[in-house]
Amino acid sequence: VTLEELRWKNRVVLYFPEKYENPQFDLKPLEDKLDDRKIIFLSIGEQFSTNSKASFDQNYLKGLQEKFSSEKGKSNWVLIGLDGGVKLNGKGTPDWDFIFKTIDSMPMRQSEIKKGG
């Protein structure tokens, strides 16, 4: 799967952990919020993890890291919108409250809420 294939279907949060860091994310408490906002989370580092059932090529993931990681060697994250554009980025681990609030303020998300989904 590529980001292009996810365009208009999912928002994507890419997380790039610090080198040699292998964080374990418990996304269970966020599952409903992630699903409701159509968010796929990808942690791309020494090990790969995701909340998606899709499979991603290792070389493609490395390419995403080259393209989107703003702080080489330091933990950082990027939010990619439904249109495939970068909407937000930050340092450290993903700030889910900030990400959810930002998404909820976007026109496409407002439209989704009005339609009930």
N, C-alpha and C. Protein backbone atom coordinates (compact mmCIF):
# COMPACT_ATOMS: atom_id res chain seq x y z
N VAL A 1 0.84 -1.19 0.00
CA VAL A 1 0.00 0.00 0.00
C VAL A 1 0.88 1.24 0.00
N THR A 2 0.42 2.29 -0.66
CA THR A 2 1.15 3.56 -0.69
C THR A 2 0.23 4.66 -0.15
N LEU A 3 0.80 5.81 0.16
CA LEU A 3 0.00 6.94 0.61
C LEU A 3 -0.98 7.36 -0.48
N GLU A 4 -0.57 7.24 -1.72
CA GLU A 4 -1.44 7.60 -2.84
C GLU A 4 -2.71 6.74 -2.83
N GLU A 5 -2.56 5.47 -2.50
CA GLU A 5 -3.72 4.57 -2.45
C GLU A 5 -4.65 4.89 -1.27
N LEU A 6 -4.11 5.54 -0.24
CA LEU A 6 -4.90 5.89 0.93
C LEU A 6 -5.59 7.25 0.77
N ARG A 7 -5.14 8.02 -0.23
CA ARG A 7 -5.70 9.35 -0.44
C ARG A 7 -7.21 9.29 -0.60
N TRP A 8 -7.88 10.23 0.03
CA TRP A 8 -9.34 10.38 0.05
C TRP A 8 -10.05 9.28 0.84
N LYS A 9 -9.29 8.32 1.37
CA LYS A 9 -9.89 7.26 2.20
C LYS A 9 -9.47 7.40 3.65
N ASN A 10 -8.21 7.75 3.87
CA ASN A 10 -7.67 7.81 5.23
C ASN A 10 -6.76 9.01 5.44
N ARG A 11 -6.77 9.46 6.68
CA ARG A 11 -5.75 10.39 7.15
C ARG A 11 -4.63 9.50 7.68
N VAL A 12 -3.41 9.99 7.65
CA VAL A 12 -2.28 9.17 8.08
C VAL A 12 -1.42 9.96 9.06
N VAL A 13 -1.06 9.32 10.17
CA VAL A 13 -0.07 9.89 11.08
C VAL A 13 1.17 9.03 10.95
N LEU A 14 2.25 9.66 10.49
CA LEU A 14 3.54 9.00 10.38
C LEU A 14 4.35 9.38 11.61
N TYR A 15 4.90 8.39 12.30
CA TYR A 15 5.74 8.66 13.47
C TYR A 15 7.12 8.08 13.21
N PHE A 16 8.13 8.92 13.43
CA PHE A 16 9.52 8.51 13.22
C PHE A 16 10.24 8.58 14.57
N PRO A 17 10.40 7.43 15.25
CA PRO A 17 11.06 7.44 16.55
C PRO A 17 12.55 7.73 16.42
N GLU A 18 13.12 8.16 17.53
CA GLU A 18 14.56 8.39 17.59
C GLU A 18 15.28 7.10 17.24
N LYS A 19 16.44 7.22 16.64
CA LYS A 19 17.21 6.04 16.26
C LYS A 19 17.42 5.15 17.49
N TYR A 20 17.28 3.86 17.30
CA TYR A 20 17.43 2.82 18.33
C TYR A 20 16.30 2.83 19.36
N GLU A 21 15.36 3.75 19.23
CA GLU A 21 14.20 3.76 20.12
C GLU A 21 13.16 2.85 19.48
N ASN A 22 12.52 2.02 20.27
CA ASN A 22 11.50 1.14 19.73
C ASN A 22 10.25 1.25 20.59
N PRO A 23 9.52 2.36 20.43
CA PRO A 23 8.36 2.57 21.30
C PRO A 23 7.23 1.58 21.01
N GLN A 24 6.54 1.22 22.05
CA GLN A 24 5.36 0.37 21.92
C GLN A 24 4.15 1.26 22.18
N PHE A 25 3.22 1.31 21.24
CA PHE A 25 2.05 2.15 21.39
C PHE A 25 0.83 1.29 21.69
N ASP A 26 0.14 1.67 22.74
CA ASP A 26 -1.14 1.03 23.04
C ASP A 26 -2.22 1.95 22.47
N LEU A 27 -2.65 1.63 21.27
CA LEU A 27 -3.65 2.45 20.58
C LEU A 27 -5.08 2.04 20.93
N LYS A 28 -5.22 0.99 21.74
CA LYS A 28 -6.54 0.48 22.09
C LYS A 28 -7.45 1.59 22.65
N PRO A 29 -6.95 2.41 23.61
CA PRO A 29 -7.81 3.47 24.16
C PRO A 29 -8.20 4.53 23.11
N LEU A 30 -7.43 4.63 22.05
CA LEU A 30 -7.69 5.63 21.00
C LEU A 30 -8.43 5.05 19.79
N GLU A 31 -8.66 3.75 19.82
CA GLU A 31 -9.20 3.05 18.66
C GLU A 31 -10.45 3.70 18.06
N ASP A 32 -11.42 4.04 18.90
CA ASP A 32 -12.66 4.65 18.40
C ASP A 32 -12.39 6.01 17.76
N LYS A 33 -11.54 6.80 18.41
CA LYS A 33 -11.22 8.13 17.87
C LYS A 33 -10.46 8.02 16.56
N LEU A 34 -9.54 7.07 16.47
CA LEU A 34 -8.78 6.85 15.23
C LEU A 34 -9.71 6.39 14.11
N ASP A 35 -10.57 5.42 14.42
CA ASP A 35 -11.52 4.90 13.43
C ASP A 35 -12.49 5.98 12.96
N ASP A 36 -13.02 6.74 13.92
CA ASP A 36 -13.99 7.78 13.60
C ASP A 36 -13.40 8.83 12.65
N ARG A 37 -12.12 9.09 12.81
CA ARG A 37 -11.45 10.11 11.98
C ARG A 37 -10.69 9.49 10.80
N LYS A 38 -10.86 8.18 10.62
CA LYS A 38 -10.21 7.45 9.52
C LYS A 38 -8.69 7.64 9.52
N ILE A 39 -8.09 7.45 10.71
CA ILE A 39 -6.64 7.65 10.84
C ILE A 39 -5.91 6.31 10.81
N ILE A 40 -4.92 6.23 9.95
CA ILE A 40 -3.98 5.11 9.96
C ILE A 40 -2.68 5.63 10.59
N PHE A 41 -2.19 4.91 11.58
CA PHE A 41 -0.96 5.29 12.28
C PHE A 41 0.17 4.37 11.83
N LEU A 42 1.27 4.97 11.43
CA LEU A 42 2.45 4.20 11.04
C LEU A 42 3.64 4.67 11.88
N SER A 43 4.23 3.77 12.65
CA SER A 43 5.46 4.06 13.38
C SER A 43 6.59 3.45 12.57
N ILE A 44 7.44 4.31 12.03
CA ILE A 44 8.48 3.86 11.10
C ILE A 44 9.85 4.11 11.73
N GLY A 45 10.45 3.04 12.22
CA GLY A 45 11.77 3.15 12.85
C GLY A 45 12.51 1.83 12.69
N GLU A 46 13.28 1.48 13.71
CA GLU A 46 13.99 0.21 13.68
C GLU A 46 12.99 -0.93 13.46
N GLN A 47 11.82 -0.79 14.09
CA GLN A 47 10.73 -1.73 13.86
C GLN A 47 9.52 -0.94 13.39
N PHE A 48 8.66 -1.60 12.65
CA PHE A 48 7.48 -0.97 12.09
C PHE A 48 6.25 -1.43 12.84
N SER A 49 5.34 -0.49 13.14
CA SER A 49 4.05 -0.89 13.70
C SER A 49 2.96 0.00 13.11
N THR A 50 1.74 -0.53 13.08
CA THR A 50 0.61 0.19 12.51
C THR A 50 -0.69 -0.32 13.10
N ASN A 51 -1.73 0.48 12.99
CA ASN A 51 -3.07 0.05 13.38
C ASN A 51 -3.85 -0.43 12.16
N SER A 52 -3.18 -0.49 11.02
CA SER A 52 -3.81 -0.88 9.75
C SER A 52 -3.53 -2.34 9.43
N LYS A 53 -4.46 -2.93 8.70
CA LYS A 53 -4.24 -4.31 8.23
C LYS A 53 -3.48 -4.32 6.91
N ALA A 54 -3.29 -3.16 6.32
CA ALA A 54 -2.57 -3.05 5.05
C ALA A 54 -1.10 -3.39 5.25
N SER A 55 -0.45 -3.85 4.21
CA SER A 55 0.98 -4.13 4.31
C SER A 55 1.75 -3.09 3.50
N PHE A 56 2.91 -2.77 3.99
CA PHE A 56 3.74 -1.72 3.40
C PHE A 56 5.13 -2.27 3.11
N ASP A 57 5.67 -1.96 1.97
CA ASP A 57 7.00 -2.38 1.57
C ASP A 57 8.06 -1.65 2.40
N GLN A 58 9.07 -2.38 2.86
CA GLN A 58 10.14 -1.79 3.69
C GLN A 58 10.85 -0.63 2.98
N ASN A 59 11.13 -0.79 1.70
CA ASN A 59 11.80 0.28 0.97
C ASN A 59 10.91 1.51 0.86
N TYR A 60 9.61 1.29 0.69
CA TYR A 60 8.66 2.40 0.62
C TYR A 60 8.64 3.15 1.95
N LEU A 61 8.64 2.41 3.07
CA LEU A 61 8.65 3.03 4.39
C LEU A 61 9.91 3.87 4.60
N LYS A 62 11.05 3.35 4.14
CA LYS A 62 12.30 4.12 4.24
C LYS A 62 12.18 5.41 3.44
N GLY A 63 11.55 5.32 2.27
CA GLY A 63 11.33 6.51 1.44
C GLY A 63 10.45 7.53 2.14
N LEU A 64 9.42 7.06 2.85
CA LEU A 64 8.57 7.98 3.61
C LEU A 64 9.37 8.70 4.68
N GLN A 65 10.26 7.95 5.31
CA GLN A 65 11.09 8.54 6.36
C GLN A 65 11.99 9.62 5.76
N GLU A 66 12.59 9.33 4.62
CA GLU A 66 13.44 10.31 3.94
C GLU A 66 12.65 11.57 3.58
N LYS A 67 11.44 11.37 3.08
CA LYS A 67 10.63 12.48 2.59
C LYS A 67 9.99 13.31 3.70
N PHE A 68 9.50 12.66 4.75
CA PHE A 68 8.66 13.36 5.72
C PHE A 68 9.29 13.62 7.09
N SER A 69 10.36 12.91 7.45
CA SER A 69 10.94 13.11 8.77
C SER A 69 11.67 14.45 8.81
N SER A 70 11.19 15.36 9.64
CA SER A 70 11.74 16.71 9.68
C SER A 70 13.00 16.80 10.52
N GLU A 71 13.16 15.91 11.45
CA GLU A 71 14.30 15.95 12.37
C GLU A 71 15.04 14.62 12.30
N LYS A 72 15.97 14.50 11.39
CA LYS A 72 16.69 13.23 11.25
C LYS A 72 17.34 12.83 12.58
N GLY A 73 17.03 11.61 13.02
CA GLY A 73 17.61 11.09 14.25
C GLY A 73 16.85 11.46 15.51
N LYS A 74 15.86 12.35 15.41
CA LYS A 74 15.06 12.74 16.57
C LYS A 74 13.61 12.33 16.34
N SER A 75 12.88 12.04 17.41
CA SER A 75 11.47 11.65 17.30
C SER A 75 10.65 12.80 16.73
N ASN A 76 9.84 12.50 15.73
CA ASN A 76 8.93 13.49 15.16
C ASN A 76 7.80 12.79 14.44
N TRP A 77 6.74 13.55 14.14
CA TRP A 77 5.56 12.97 13.51
C TRP A 77 4.96 13.96 12.51
N VAL A 78 4.13 13.40 11.62
CA VAL A 78 3.49 14.18 10.56
C VAL A 78 2.05 13.69 10.41
N LEU A 79 1.11 14.63 10.26
CA LEU A 79 -0.27 14.30 9.93
C LEU A 79 -0.49 14.60 8.46
N ILE A 80 -0.94 13.60 7.72
CA ILE A 80 -1.25 13.76 6.30
C ILE A 80 -2.77 13.68 6.15
N GLY A 81 -3.34 14.68 5.51
CA GLY A 81 -4.78 14.77 5.37
C GLY A 81 -5.33 13.86 4.29
N LEU A 82 -6.65 13.85 4.17
CA LEU A 82 -7.31 13.02 3.16
C LEU A 82 -6.84 13.36 1.75
N ASP A 83 -6.47 14.62 1.53
CA ASP A 83 -6.03 15.05 0.19
C ASP A 83 -4.57 14.70 -0.09
N GLY A 84 -3.89 14.09 0.90
CA GLY A 84 -2.50 13.69 0.71
C GLY A 84 -1.49 14.75 1.10
N GLY A 85 -1.95 15.91 1.55
CA GLY A 85 -1.05 16.99 1.94
C GLY A 85 -0.70 16.95 3.41
N VAL A 86 0.48 17.47 3.75
CA VAL A 86 0.91 17.56 5.15
C VAL A 86 0.10 18.65 5.84
N LYS A 87 -0.58 18.30 6.91
CA LYS A 87 -1.44 19.23 7.64
C LYS A 87 -0.81 19.72 8.94
N LEU A 88 0.08 18.91 9.49
CA LEU A 88 0.61 19.20 10.81
C LEU A 88 1.86 18.37 11.01
N ASN A 89 2.80 18.91 11.78
CA ASN A 89 3.93 18.08 12.20
C ASN A 89 4.40 18.54 13.57
N GLY A 90 5.09 17.64 14.25
CA GLY A 90 5.54 17.97 15.59
C GLY A 90 6.75 17.15 15.99
N LYS A 91 7.35 17.56 17.09
CA LYS A 91 8.51 16.85 17.64
C LYS A 91 8.04 15.91 18.75
N GLY A 92 8.83 14.89 19.01
CA GLY A 92 8.49 13.93 20.06
C GLY A 92 7.44 12.94 19.57
N THR A 93 6.69 12.37 20.51
CA THR A 93 5.65 11.41 20.15
C THR A 93 4.38 12.17 19.74
N PRO A 94 3.50 11.52 19.00
CA PRO A 94 2.29 12.21 18.53
C PRO A 94 1.45 12.77 19.69
N ASP A 95 1.03 14.01 19.53
CA ASP A 95 0.16 14.68 20.49
C ASP A 95 -1.27 14.45 20.00
N TRP A 96 -1.88 13.35 20.46
CA TRP A 96 -3.17 12.92 19.93
C TRP A 96 -4.27 13.95 20.14
N ASP A 97 -4.32 14.60 21.30
CA ASP A 97 -5.36 15.61 21.52
C ASP A 97 -5.25 16.73 20.49
N PHE A 98 -4.04 17.20 20.26
CA PHE A 98 -3.80 18.26 19.28
C PHE A 98 -4.16 17.77 17.87
N ILE A 99 -3.79 16.54 17.55
CA ILE A 99 -4.09 15.97 16.23
C ILE A 99 -5.61 15.88 16.05
N PHE A 100 -6.31 15.34 17.04
CA PHE A 100 -7.77 15.20 16.93
C PHE A 100 -8.46 16.55 16.80
N LYS A 101 -8.02 17.54 17.61
CA LYS A 101 -8.62 18.88 17.54
C LYS A 101 -8.38 19.52 16.17
N THR A 102 -7.18 19.34 15.65
CA THR A 102 -6.85 19.91 14.34
C THR A 102 -7.71 19.27 13.25
N ILE A 103 -7.81 17.94 13.27
CA ILE A 103 -8.63 17.24 12.28
C ILE A 103 -10.09 17.69 12.40
N ASP A 104 -10.60 17.77 13.64
CA ASP A 104 -12.00 18.13 13.85
C ASP A 104 -12.33 19.54 13.37
N SER A 105 -11.32 20.39 13.24
CA SER A 105 -11.56 21.76 12.78
C SER A 105 -11.47 21.88 11.25
N MET A 106 -11.07 20.81 10.58
CA MET A 106 -10.92 20.85 9.12
C MET A 106 -12.28 20.77 8.43
N PRO A 107 -12.46 21.48 7.32
CA PRO A 107 -13.74 21.48 6.60
C PRO A 107 -14.24 20.08 6.22
N MET A 108 -13.35 19.21 5.76
CA MET A 108 -13.80 17.86 5.36
C MET A 108 -14.30 17.08 6.57
N ARG A 109 -13.65 17.25 7.71
CA ARG A 109 -14.08 16.57 8.93
C ARG A 109 -15.42 17.14 9.40
N GLN A 110 -15.58 18.46 9.30
CA GLN A 110 -16.86 19.08 9.67
C GLN A 110 -17.99 18.50 8.83
N SER A 111 -17.71 18.29 7.56
CA SER A 111 -18.69 17.69 6.65
C SER A 111 -19.01 16.25 7.07
N GLU A 112 -17.97 15.49 7.44
CA GLU A 112 -18.17 14.12 7.91
C GLU A 112 -19.07 14.10 9.16
N ILE A 113 -18.82 15.03 10.08
CA ILE A 113 -19.59 15.08 11.32
C ILE A 113 -21.05 15.39 11.00
N LYS A 114 -21.28 16.33 10.10
CA LYS A 114 -22.66 16.69 9.73
C LYS A 114 -23.38 15.52 9.08
N LYS A 115 -22.63 14.73 8.31
CA LYS A 115 -23.24 13.56 7.65
C LYS A 115 -23.40 12.40 8.62
N GLY A 116 -22.81 12.55 9.81
CA GLY A 116 -22.95 11.50 10.83
C GLY A 116 -21.94 10.40 10.73
N GLY A 117 -20.74 10.72 10.24
CA GLY A 117 -19.76 9.65 10.15
C GLY A 117 -18.42 10.08 9.83
